Amino acid sequence: MVESIARACIIGPRPRDDEPKGFLWEGELSVLVGLLRAVSPVRMAETGVNTGRTAAYVLRHVPSIVEYMGVDVPTGYVTPLSVQCQEVPTNPGFEAIRNPKFRLVIKPRGSYDLGPTDLGELDAMFIDGDHSAEGVANDTKLALECVRPGGVVVWHDYYPGDKWLGVAKYLDELPMTRRILRVQGTCLAYLPV
């Protein structure tokens, strides 16, 4: 089971005033920013960039980032989980695309079509794409191959006991040699690498 920690330990109990509404719960973007600032990432990637709302927010609040790669699938992609079919973007990355630090990566099968050489060494990776157990396994493997020691891997949509998404199912079955922490009051889990 993923260990819980208090949200206040990460960034404080309240979300920032400019935190946009969207797929993340209230306050989760602020927690993500706190996790990222703790490692001062220069290069990071996000699987499941969707509209680019998270990327745009992170780029505004984490000044150390020089390159943010947002990975997604093309319009018309059929998701492995029917519950995610509404999440396929019609205009991927549009909220961040004007930022020169943002690079949109669209692949026919999203992150399944990427390897470590495509992403290079990263300081952080935010996993929020395919939430099937297989998709989470793929993205986690990719993250662990790319994120340098001292970096962080963050997963979204970790719901203990969830029967629809594979995030908790996959993370809870990982060997305990890796210590993944859950941020209490959010759907975020993270691993300091």
Foldseek 3Di string as FASTA:
>chain_A
DAAEDALCVQQHDAADPPQDDDPWDHRPLRSVLSQCLQLLKQEEEEFLCAQVSSVQSSVVRRVSYQAYEYWYEAPPQDAPAPVCRVSHHPHGNNVPVVPPRYDYHYDNVILVPDACVVRAATQEYEYDHRQALVSLVSVVVRCVSHHDQSGKYKYAQQDPPDPRGNNVVNVVPDPPVFRWYHHPPTRMIMGRD
